[in-house]
Protein backbone atom coordinates (compact mmCIF):
# COMPACT_ATOMS: atom_id res chain seq x y z
CA MET A 1 45.26 39.17 36.85
CA HIS A 2 43.11 36.85 38.83
CA PRO A 3 43.30 33.37 38.15
CA GLN A 4 39.81 32.80 38.20
CA ARG A 5 39.13 36.12 35.90
CA ARG A 6 41.63 34.68 33.46
CA ASN A 7 40.13 31.20 33.24
CA ARG A 8 36.98 32.78 32.55
CA LEU A 9 38.47 35.11 30.04
CA LEU A 10 40.04 32.06 27.90
CA GLY A 11 36.99 29.91 28.32
CA VAL A 12 35.13 33.00 26.71
CA ALA A 13 37.64 33.24 23.88
CA PHE A 14 37.49 29.49 23.30
CA VAL A 15 33.95 29.50 22.88
CA LEU A 16 34.20 32.59 20.33
CA VAL A 17 36.87 30.79 18.76
CA GLY A 18 34.90 27.75 18.19
CA ALA A 19 31.90 29.31 17.53
CA SER A 20 33.29 31.47 14.36
CA ALA A 21 35.03 28.03 13.02
CA ALA A 22 31.58 26.50 13.27
CA VAL A 23 30.10 29.03 11.35
CA THR A 24 32.87 29.49 9.02
CA LEU A 25 32.99 25.87 7.92
CA MET A 26 29.12 25.85 7.59
CA LEU A 27 29.11 28.84 5.47
CA LEU A 28 31.67 26.95 3.07
CA ALA A 29 29.55 23.37 2.81
CA ALA A 30 26.32 25.64 2.02
CA ASN A 31 28.72 27.92 -0.63
CA GLU A 32 29.44 24.52 -2.54
CA SER A 33 26.24 22.60 -2.28
CA LEU A 34 24.86 25.72 -3.70
CA ASN A 35 23.20 25.25 -7.49
CA LEU A 36 22.02 28.39 -8.79
CA PHE A 37 19.05 27.97 -11.70
CA TYR A 38 19.88 29.42 -15.15
CA PRO A 39 17.20 30.08 -17.93
CA PRO A 40 18.79 30.24 -21.46
CA ALA A 41 18.96 33.40 -21.97
CA LYS A 42 21.79 33.60 -18.96
CA VAL A 43 23.46 30.47 -20.58
CA VAL A 44 23.96 31.72 -24.07
CA ASN A 45 24.84 35.43 -22.56
CA GLY A 46 27.53 34.14 -20.64
CA GLU A 47 26.04 34.86 -17.58
CA ALA A 48 26.56 31.18 -16.09
CA PRO A 49 29.64 30.20 -14.71
CA VAL A 50 31.66 27.64 -16.86
CA GLY A 51 33.05 24.54 -15.00
CA VAL A 52 30.95 24.94 -11.89
CA GLY A 53 27.59 22.81 -11.00
CA ILE A 54 24.63 24.99 -12.08
CA ARG A 55 21.04 24.42 -12.94
CA ALA A 56 19.33 25.27 -16.24
CA GLY A 57 16.15 24.81 -17.62
CA GLY A 58 13.90 25.50 -20.87
CA MET A 59 11.90 23.52 -23.41
CA VAL A 60 13.22 20.85 -25.25
CA LEU A 61 13.42 22.30 -29.17
CA GLU A 62 11.55 20.16 -31.79
CA GLY A 63 13.97 18.52 -33.96
CA SER A 64 16.79 18.75 -31.80
CA VAL A 65 16.98 15.39 -29.89
CA GLN A 66 19.66 13.28 -31.04
CA ARG A 67 20.48 9.84 -29.71
CA ALA A 68 23.76 7.70 -30.11
CA PRO A 69 22.54 4.33 -31.41
CA ASP A 70 25.05 2.05 -29.43
CA SER A 71 24.75 3.85 -25.99
CA LEU A 72 22.74 5.69 -24.25
CA ASP A 73 23.99 9.33 -24.86
CA VAL A 74 21.42 11.87 -25.75
CA ALA A 75 22.21 15.56 -27.06
CA PHE A 76 19.20 17.93 -27.34
CA THR A 77 19.02 21.99 -27.37
CA LEU A 78 16.99 23.40 -24.60
CA THR A 79 15.07 27.04 -25.81
CA ASP A 80 13.47 29.36 -23.97
CA ARG A 81 11.54 30.30 -27.03
CA ARG A 82 12.29 33.81 -27.24
CA GLY A 83 15.67 33.27 -29.60
CA ALA A 84 18.08 31.87 -26.77
CA SER A 85 19.00 28.25 -26.96
CA PHE A 86 22.04 26.00 -26.10
CA LYS A 87 23.07 22.54 -26.69
CA ALA A 88 23.02 19.63 -23.76
CA VAL A 89 24.38 16.31 -23.22
CA TYR A 90 23.38 13.74 -21.18
CA SER A 91 24.43 9.62 -21.03
CA GLY A 92 21.97 7.72 -19.03
CA ILE A 93 17.78 6.62 -19.03
CA LEU A 94 15.78 9.72 -19.42
CA PRO A 95 12.63 10.36 -17.36
CA ASP A 96 9.34 9.23 -19.04
CA LEU A 97 8.31 12.59 -19.36
CA PHE A 98 11.15 13.73 -21.63
CA ARG A 99 10.39 14.55 -25.15
CA GLU A 100 10.45 17.37 -27.28
CA GLY A 101 8.43 20.74 -26.61
CA GLN A 102 8.34 19.30 -23.13
CA GLY A 103 9.87 21.61 -20.29
CA ILE A 104 13.11 20.16 -18.10
CA LEU A 105 15.69 21.09 -15.96
CA VAL A 106 19.20 19.69 -16.09
CA ARG A 107 21.63 19.61 -13.64
CA GLY A 108 25.53 19.79 -14.52
CA GLU A 109 28.18 21.89 -15.71
CA LEU A 110 28.61 24.21 -18.55
CA GLY A 111 31.48 23.71 -20.77
CA ALA A 112 33.89 26.09 -22.60
CA ASP A 113 32.56 25.28 -25.64
CA GLY A 114 28.97 26.16 -24.49
CA VAL A 115 27.76 22.74 -24.36
CA PHE A 116 26.06 21.70 -21.30
CA GLN A 117 27.38 18.25 -19.92
CA ALA A 118 24.35 17.39 -17.50
CA VAL A 119 24.29 14.34 -14.98
CA GLU A 120 20.81 14.63 -14.14
CA VAL A 121 17.62 15.19 -16.37
CA LEU A 122 14.33 15.93 -14.44
CA ALA A 123 11.25 16.46 -17.13
CA LYS A 124 8.47 19.09 -15.92
CA HIS A 125 4.74 18.58 -16.29
CA ASP A 126 1.54 21.42 -16.34
CA GLU A 127 -0.52 21.58 -13.61
CA ASN A 128 -3.05 19.57 -15.92
CA TYR A 129 -1.03 16.35 -15.08
CA MET A 130 -3.04 13.05 -14.81
CA PRO A 131 -1.48 9.49 -13.47
CA PRO A 132 -2.08 7.19 -16.80
CA GLU A 133 -4.14 5.01 -13.64
CA LEU A 134 -6.27 7.66 -13.41
CA LEU A 135 -6.89 8.70 -16.90
CA PRO A 136 -10.27 6.10 -17.14
CA LEU A 137 -11.71 7.68 -13.91
CA ALA A 138 -11.10 11.02 -15.26
CA ALA A 139 -13.08 10.04 -18.40
CA GLY A 140 -15.93 8.61 -16.45
CA VAL A 141 -16.34 11.68 -14.64
CA ALA A 142 -16.47 14.10 -17.67
CA ASP A 143 -18.99 11.74 -19.07
CA GLN A 144 -21.01 11.82 -16.08
CA GLU A 145 -20.71 15.74 -15.86
CA SER A 146 -21.48 16.25 -19.94
CA ARG A 147 -24.57 14.17 -19.56
CA GLN A 148 -25.88 16.29 -16.39
CA PRO A 149 -28.63 18.74 -17.23
CA ILE A 150 -27.92 22.50 -17.05
CA GLY A 151 -30.82 24.13 -15.18
CA LEU A 152 -31.58 27.61 -16.21
CA GLU A 153 -32.42 29.62 -12.75
């Protein structure tokens, strides 16, 4: 084989091996950072993996929030209001929008005992959310609209 041809072949082989290694590493990194979402029904049915970082969401069941008096530990139950519910525990400061009956999203791991160990809690709000600073302005607009005469055409 001619030396120039051999060098060209080695160069192409080196580029292919390097590209394959780079793609493999990128896919492995993407797979490790993948966080799948599971609703309460899938968590209860055993479809959620145990001991793997996942996200789960649902409504906080009324009367289920239990706060530890001497720490930031909180236990609560997440439900889909269709019969599926599971217990979640979290240690930390909860978001201001967290309350019973509110939709939330938790990130963490499901334990073998079926209790979700949350490392992050995100509270959701509906599309009618209004920041507290703007509530007086919104009330003023509603008052002005209610005072406007309705014209019949």
